[in-house]
Amino acid sequence: MTQIGMCFPRTFPAALVTDVARRLEAGGADELWVIEDCFYTAGVSLAAAALASTERLQVGIGILPAVARTAAVTAMELATLDALAPGRLLPGIGHGVQEWMGQMGVRAKSPLTALEEVTTAVTRLLAGEKVTFEGKTVVLQDVQLEAPPVTPPPILLGVMGPKSMALAGRVGGGVVLAEPATAEYVRQSLEFAGSPKDFVVTTFTALCVREDRKAAYEWAAPWLGGLIERKYVGITPLPFFDDLAKLYAESGEAGLVGMPVDWWRAIGAIGTVEDAAVHLDQLQAAGVHHVGLFPDPEVEHGLPQLEYVTALANR
């Protein structure tokens, strides 16, 4: 059964994370996903606060840039979080936005190689191994965690594109697919990853629920229009993408508001609660294990959506 939770947007004040985590747990949701983007709030500290303030809720990190910390420090952080709440951590690691990595002076010559080395080293350290590693990005000499997790969490790679998905299939425990991750995109990503056994699939999904579905469509149309203009990888596998792009080119946002309900249901948890439930069913059928519903980034609009997250988790 797919686990349903909420994402904590990078624009939400950090002090809200404990209240959001408690409300999700009390309401019956399965998890909370904290977001680490430069230069907003940090994923590890947000996750620690959320885990320490709850008893059941799973907490995911989406995502830690591979080169922002050394592999040993990343492993230490994840082991500590797991010790705070055994079995409740879902850690994600990714390339990070390369412009941000350059701003910090840690941009790797080969992001793909760097992610492979970091993922391999962190996985081995969390397994309790003594690791010596001489790579292009990771250098370790007889490093071993004093208190590795009893059951190490899977390292989920926040990646996109065929090469990175193939890497996730080789060295990762799963993937985190950024919003909007349609069912078709999930299937394509699993194919690129080689469909490995016990591969954990997480998707972030746009959440915009209103009593009146047209109101939801009007709210989400500008966001969708931007994705169409960029030919965003999460929606291009849709069988109707060419028709969608043509509609937008000819009629703009008004055309998107009036497009078929089934198209909106394929793209996100957008419309009524019932529409959102259909989208989640599509993701489950595609093989998704965890869904982080991503609300509006503005607190006054996004935070009220929490009640829909719990409603969808309890259906």
Protein backbone atom coordinates (compact mmCIF):
# COMPACT_ATOMS: atom_id res chain seq x y z
CA MET A 1 0.00 0.00 0.00
CA THR A 2 1.34 3.44 -0.92
CA GLN A 3 2.32 5.59 2.06
CA ILE A 4 0.87 9.11 1.89
CA GLY A 5 2.43 12.19 3.42
CA MET A 6 3.14 15.87 2.92
CA CYS A 7 6.17 17.83 1.79
CA PHE A 8 7.42 20.72 3.94
CA PRO A 9 8.22 23.42 1.34
CA ARG A 10 11.53 25.22 1.66
CA THR A 11 9.64 28.50 2.08
CA PHE A 12 7.83 27.35 5.23
CA PRO A 13 9.40 28.77 8.44
CA ALA A 14 11.53 26.12 10.14
CA ALA A 15 9.69 26.56 13.44
CA LEU A 16 6.54 25.15 11.85
CA VAL A 17 8.03 21.72 11.20
CA THR A 18 7.23 20.23 14.62
CA ASP A 19 3.61 21.39 14.51
CA VAL A 20 3.18 20.10 10.95
CA ALA A 21 4.73 16.75 11.89
CA ARG A 22 2.49 16.35 14.96
CA ARG A 23 -0.64 17.30 13.02
CA LEU A 24 0.16 14.84 10.26
CA GLU A 25 0.73 12.05 12.78
CA ALA A 26 -2.42 12.87 14.76
CA GLY A 27 -4.42 12.99 11.55
CA GLY A 28 -3.28 9.56 10.40
CA ALA A 29 -0.87 10.55 7.62
CA ASP A 30 2.10 8.25 7.08
CA GLU A 31 5.03 10.61 6.56
CA LEU A 32 6.54 14.06 6.22
CA TRP A 33 9.14 15.00 3.61
CA VAL A 34 11.46 17.89 4.44
CA ILE A 35 13.12 19.78 1.61
CA GLU A 36 16.77 20.87 1.53
CA ASP A 37 17.39 23.52 -1.12
CA CYS A 38 20.22 26.05 -1.07
CA PHE A 39 20.05 28.45 0.65
CA TYR A 40 16.95 27.81 2.67
CA THR A 41 16.48 25.47 5.66
CA ALA A 42 18.65 22.38 6.16
CA GLY A 43 17.22 18.89 5.76
CA VAL A 44 19.01 17.11 8.61
CA SER A 45 17.99 19.56 11.32
CA LEU A 46 14.40 19.69 10.07
CA ALA A 47 14.26 15.89 10.02
CA ALA A 48 15.69 15.67 13.54
CA ALA A 49 13.03 18.06 14.86
CA ALA A 50 10.22 16.18 13.11
CA LEU A 51 11.41 12.75 14.26
CA ALA A 52 11.94 13.88 17.85
CA SER A 53 8.45 15.39 18.07
CA THR A 54 6.59 12.32 16.78
CA GLU A 55 6.37 8.62 17.60
CA ARG A 56 5.14 6.94 14.43
CA LEU A 57 5.58 9.30 11.49
CA GLN A 58 8.17 8.45 8.85
CA VAL A 59 10.35 11.40 7.86
CA GLY A 60 12.03 11.67 4.48
CA ILE A 61 14.76 14.04 3.36
CA GLY A 62 14.48 15.28 -0.19
CA ILE A 63 17.33 15.73 -0.87
CA LEU A 64 20.85 16.09 0.50
CA PRO A 65 23.24 17.31 -2.24
CA ALA A 66 25.94 14.66 -2.46
CA VAL A 67 28.91 17.02 -2.32
CA ALA A 68 27.62 19.55 0.21
CA ARG A 69 28.89 17.31 3.02
CA THR A 70 31.62 14.70 3.03
CA ALA A 71 30.41 11.12 2.67
CA ALA A 72 31.51 10.34 6.24
CA VAL A 73 29.60 13.28 7.71
CA THR A 74 26.49 12.37 5.67
CA ALA A 75 26.69 8.83 7.03
CA MET A 76 27.11 10.14 10.58
CA GLU A 77 24.09 12.41 10.20
CA LEU A 78 21.89 9.63 8.83
CA ALA A 79 23.01 7.16 11.49
CA THR A 80 22.23 9.70 14.20
CA LEU A 81 18.77 10.40 12.78
CA ASP A 82 18.07 6.66 12.61
CA ALA A 83 19.16 6.31 16.24
CA LEU A 84 16.67 9.01 17.23
CA ALA A 85 13.84 7.12 15.54
CA PRO A 86 14.82 3.65 14.34
CA GLY A 87 13.17 2.64 11.09
CA ARG A 88 11.46 5.98 10.50
CA LEU A 89 14.04 7.73 8.29
CA LEU A 90 13.89 7.87 4.48
CA PRO A 91 17.05 9.66 3.31
CA GLY A 92 17.46 11.08 -0.17
CA ILE A 93 20.72 12.12 -1.83
CA GLY A 94 21.10 13.79 -5.21
CA HIS A 95 23.34 15.81 -7.49
CA GLY A 96 22.12 19.13 -6.15
CA VAL A 97 21.57 22.11 -8.43
CA GLN A 98 24.95 22.61 -10.05
CA GLU A 99 24.76 26.41 -9.93
CA TRP A 100 24.30 26.21 -6.16
CA MET A 101 27.17 23.75 -5.83
CA GLY A 102 29.35 26.21 -7.74
CA GLN A 103 28.35 29.03 -5.40
CA MET A 104 29.60 26.93 -2.47
CA GLY A 105 32.82 25.92 -4.21
CA VAL A 106 32.01 22.20 -4.21
CA ARG A 107 30.85 21.63 -7.79
CA ALA A 108 32.12 18.26 -9.00
CA LYS A 109 33.73 17.85 -12.41
CA SER A 110 31.47 14.84 -12.93
CA PRO A 111 28.25 15.02 -10.88
CA LEU A 112 27.41 11.46 -11.92
CA THR A 113 30.71 10.08 -10.64
CA ALA A 114 30.44 12.11 -7.44
CA LEU A 115 26.95 10.80 -6.71
CA GLU A 116 28.01 7.21 -7.35
CA GLU A 117 31.00 7.50 -5.03
CA VAL A 118 29.05 9.21 -2.24
CA THR A 119 26.14 6.78 -2.44
CA THR A 120 28.44 3.77 -2.41
CA ALA A 121 30.50 5.08 0.51
CA VAL A 122 27.49 6.13 2.61
CA THR A 123 25.74 2.81 1.99
CA ARG A 124 28.82 0.87 3.11
CA LEU A 125 29.32 3.03 6.20
CA LEU A 126 25.68 2.67 7.26
CA ALA A 127 26.09 -1.09 6.88
CA GLY A 128 28.84 -0.94 9.54
CA GLU A 129 31.79 -1.54 7.25
CA LYS A 130 35.27 -0.12 7.78
CA VAL A 131 35.74 1.79 4.56
CA THR A 132 38.85 2.81 2.67
CA PHE A 133 37.97 4.58 -0.55
CA GLU A 134 40.12 6.46 -3.04
CA GLY A 135 37.87 8.17 -5.56
CA LYS A 136 37.67 11.42 -7.48
CA THR A 137 35.32 12.95 -4.91
CA VAL A 138 35.33 10.58 -1.92
CA VAL A 139 38.52 9.81 -0.01
CA LEU A 140 38.25 7.68 3.15
CA GLN A 141 40.93 5.94 5.19
CA ASP A 142 39.75 3.22 7.58
CA VAL A 143 36.52 5.05 8.42
CA GLN A 144 33.89 3.16 10.40
CA LEU A 145 30.82 4.39 12.25
CA GLU A 146 30.80 3.68 15.97
CA ALA A 147 27.03 3.22 15.99
CA PRO A 148 25.67 2.25 12.56
CA PRO A 149 21.93 1.59 12.21
CA VAL A 150 20.76 -1.90 13.11
CA THR A 151 18.73 -1.86 9.90
CA PRO A 152 20.17 0.72 7.50
CA PRO A 153 17.61 2.81 5.62
CA PRO A 154 17.62 2.64 1.83
CA ILE A 155 19.48 5.51 0.17
CA LEU A 156 17.04 7.07 -2.27
CA LEU A 157 18.54 9.04 -5.14
CA GLY A 158 16.82 12.27 -6.14
CA VAL A 159 17.68 12.21 -9.82
CA MET A 160 16.22 12.56 -13.31
CA GLY A 161 17.36 11.49 -16.75
CA PRO A 162 18.34 8.07 -18.14
CA LYS A 163 21.98 8.02 -16.96
CA SER A 164 21.18 9.09 -13.43
CA MET A 165 18.26 6.65 -13.22
CA ALA A 166 20.55 3.85 -14.37
CA LEU A 167 22.99 4.87 -11.63
CA ALA A 168 20.18 4.75 -9.05
CA GLY A 169 19.36 1.24 -10.18
CA ARG A 170 22.98 0.15 -9.74
CA VAL A 171 23.94 1.72 -6.41
CA GLY A 172 20.81 3.20 -4.80
CA GLY A 173 18.02 1.72 -2.77
CA GLY A 174 15.42 3.67 -4.72
CA VAL A 175 14.55 7.06 -6.15
CA VAL A 176 12.84 10.31 -5.23
CA LEU A 177 11.08 11.74 -8.27
CA ALA A 178 10.37 15.47 -8.10
CA GLU A 179 6.95 16.91 -8.76
CA PRO A 180 5.09 16.44 -10.96
CA ALA A 181 5.93 12.76 -11.26
CA THR A 182 3.19 11.26 -13.39
CA ALA A 183 2.51 7.52 -13.51
CA GLU A 184 3.98 7.40 -17.02
CA TYR A 185 7.15 9.09 -15.78
CA VAL A 186 7.40 6.60 -12.91
CA ARG A 187 7.23 3.68 -15.32
CA GLN A 188 9.80 5.27 -17.61
CA SER A 189 12.14 5.94 -14.67
CA LEU A 190 11.88 2.35 -13.44
CA GLU A 191 12.72 1.14 -16.93
CA PHE A 192 15.80 3.38 -17.04
CA ALA A 193 16.80 2.08 -13.58
CA GLY A 194 16.57 -1.51 -14.77
CA SER A 195 13.62 -2.34 -12.49
CA PRO A 196 15.81 -3.71 -9.67
CA LYS A 197 14.33 -5.86 -6.93
CA ASP A 198 13.14 -4.13 -3.74
CA PHE A 199 13.64 -0.69 -5.32
CA VAL A 200 11.84 2.00 -3.30
CA VAL A 201 9.98 4.59 -5.37
CA THR A 202 9.00 7.96 -3.90
CA THR A 203 7.22 10.69 -5.81
CA PHE A 204 6.52 14.28 -4.92
CA THR A 205 3.08 15.28 -6.21
CA ALA A 206 1.57 18.72 -6.64
CA LEU A 207 -1.37 19.21 -4.27
CA CYS A 208 -4.09 21.75 -5.00
CA VAL A 209 -7.50 20.73 -3.68
CA ARG A 210 -10.54 22.99 -3.74
CA GLU A 211 -14.26 22.39 -3.24
CA ASP A 212 -14.73 23.70 -6.78
CA ARG A 213 -12.41 21.91 -9.19
CA LYS A 214 -12.31 24.88 -11.59
CA ALA A 215 -10.88 27.02 -8.80
CA ALA A 216 -8.11 24.44 -8.32
CA TYR A 217 -7.39 24.41 -12.04
CA GLU A 218 -7.20 28.21 -12.16
CA TRP A 219 -4.73 28.17 -9.27
CA ALA A 220 -2.53 25.47 -10.85
CA ALA A 221 -2.65 26.60 -14.49
CA PRO A 222 0.28 29.09 -14.32
CA TRP A 223 2.47 26.43 -12.71
CA LEU A 224 1.52 23.87 -15.36
CA GLY A 225 2.08 26.37 -18.15
CA GLY A 226 5.66 26.88 -16.97
CA LEU A 227 6.26 23.13 -17.02
CA ILE A 228 4.93 22.84 -20.55
CA GLU A 229 7.18 25.66 -21.73
CA ARG A 230 10.21 23.90 -20.21
CA LYS A 231 9.10 20.50 -21.49
CA TYR A 232 9.60 19.21 -17.97
CA VAL A 233 10.67 15.58 -17.86
CA GLY A 234 7.90 14.54 -15.48
CA ILE A 235 5.12 15.37 -17.95
CA THR A 236 6.65 14.75 -21.38
CA PRO A 237 5.99 10.96 -21.17
CA LEU A 238 2.23 11.64 -20.96
CA PRO A 239 0.48 10.16 -24.00
CA PHE A 240 -1.37 13.45 -24.50
CA PHE A 241 1.64 15.77 -24.01
CA ASP A 242 1.74 16.95 -27.63
CA ASP A 243 -1.96 17.80 -27.49
CA LEU A 244 -1.42 19.51 -24.14
CA ALA A 245 1.41 21.64 -25.52
CA LYS A 246 -0.68 22.54 -28.57
CA LEU A 247 -3.63 23.53 -26.37
CA TYR A 248 -1.41 25.78 -24.24
CA ALA A 249 0.22 27.35 -27.30
CA GLU A 250 -3.17 28.19 -28.79
CA SER A 251 -5.23 29.06 -25.71
CA GLY A 252 -2.79 29.77 -22.87
CA GLU A 253 -3.76 29.26 -19.24
CA ALA A 254 -7.47 29.50 -20.04
CA GLY A 255 -7.09 26.46 -22.27
CA LEU A 256 -5.47 24.52 -19.42
CA VAL A 257 -8.31 25.40 -17.06
CA GLY A 258 -10.77 23.93 -19.53
CA MET A 259 -8.83 20.81 -20.46
CA PRO A 260 -10.23 17.31 -19.70
CA VAL A 261 -10.48 16.26 -16.05
CA ASP A 262 -8.53 13.09 -16.83
CA TRP A 263 -5.56 15.16 -17.95
CA TRP A 264 -5.48 17.05 -14.65
CA ARG A 265 -5.84 13.80 -12.73
CA ALA A 266 -2.82 12.37 -14.54
CA ILE A 267 -0.66 15.39 -13.72
CA GLY A 268 -1.25 15.83 -10.00
CA ALA A 269 -3.50 15.77 -6.95
CA ILE A 270 -5.36 18.73 -8.40
CA GLY A 271 -9.09 19.40 -8.30
CA THR A 272 -11.43 17.87 -5.72
CA VAL A 273 -10.42 15.34 -3.06
CA GLU A 274 -11.86 12.64 -5.30
CA ASP A 275 -9.68 13.82 -8.21
CA ALA A 276 -6.61 13.71 -5.96
CA ALA A 277 -7.49 10.17 -4.88
CA VAL A 278 -7.64 9.05 -8.53
CA HIS A 279 -4.15 10.46 -9.10
CA LEU A 280 -2.80 8.60 -6.06
CA ASP A 281 -4.36 5.36 -7.31
CA GLN A 282 -2.57 5.85 -10.62
CA LEU A 283 0.75 6.27 -8.83
CA GLN A 284 0.18 3.17 -6.75
CA ALA A 285 -0.60 1.16 -9.88
CA ALA A 286 2.67 2.39 -11.38
CA GLY A 287 4.65 1.00 -8.44
CA VAL A 288 5.04 4.00 -6.13
CA HIS A 289 5.67 3.24 -2.44
CA HIS A 290 5.74 6.76 -0.97
CA VAL A 291 4.01 9.98 -2.02
CA GLY A 292 4.87 13.40 -0.65
CA LEU A 293 2.00 15.74 -1.49
CA PHE A 294 3.50 19.15 -2.25
CA PRO A 295 1.28 22.11 -1.26
CA ASP A 296 1.51 25.72 -2.36
CA PRO A 297 4.84 27.19 -1.18
CA GLU A 298 3.14 30.16 0.47
CA VAL A 299 2.26 29.23 4.05
CA GLU A 300 -1.13 30.92 4.07
CA HIS A 301 -2.23 28.87 1.07
CA GLY A 302 -0.21 25.69 1.54
CA LEU A 303 -0.66 24.91 5.22
CA PRO A 304 -4.49 24.57 5.03
CA GLN A 305 -3.96 21.77 2.50
CA LEU A 306 -2.73 19.57 5.36
CA GLU A 307 -6.32 18.53 6.11
CA TYR A 308 -6.58 17.09 2.59
CA VAL A 309 -3.34 15.16 3.08
CA THR A 310 -4.75 13.42 6.14
CA ALA A 311 -8.06 12.82 4.38
CA LEU A 312 -6.28 11.16 1.46
CA ALA A 313 -4.09 9.08 3.78
CA ASN A 314 -7.15 7.78 5.62
CA ARG A 315 -9.37 6.91 2.69
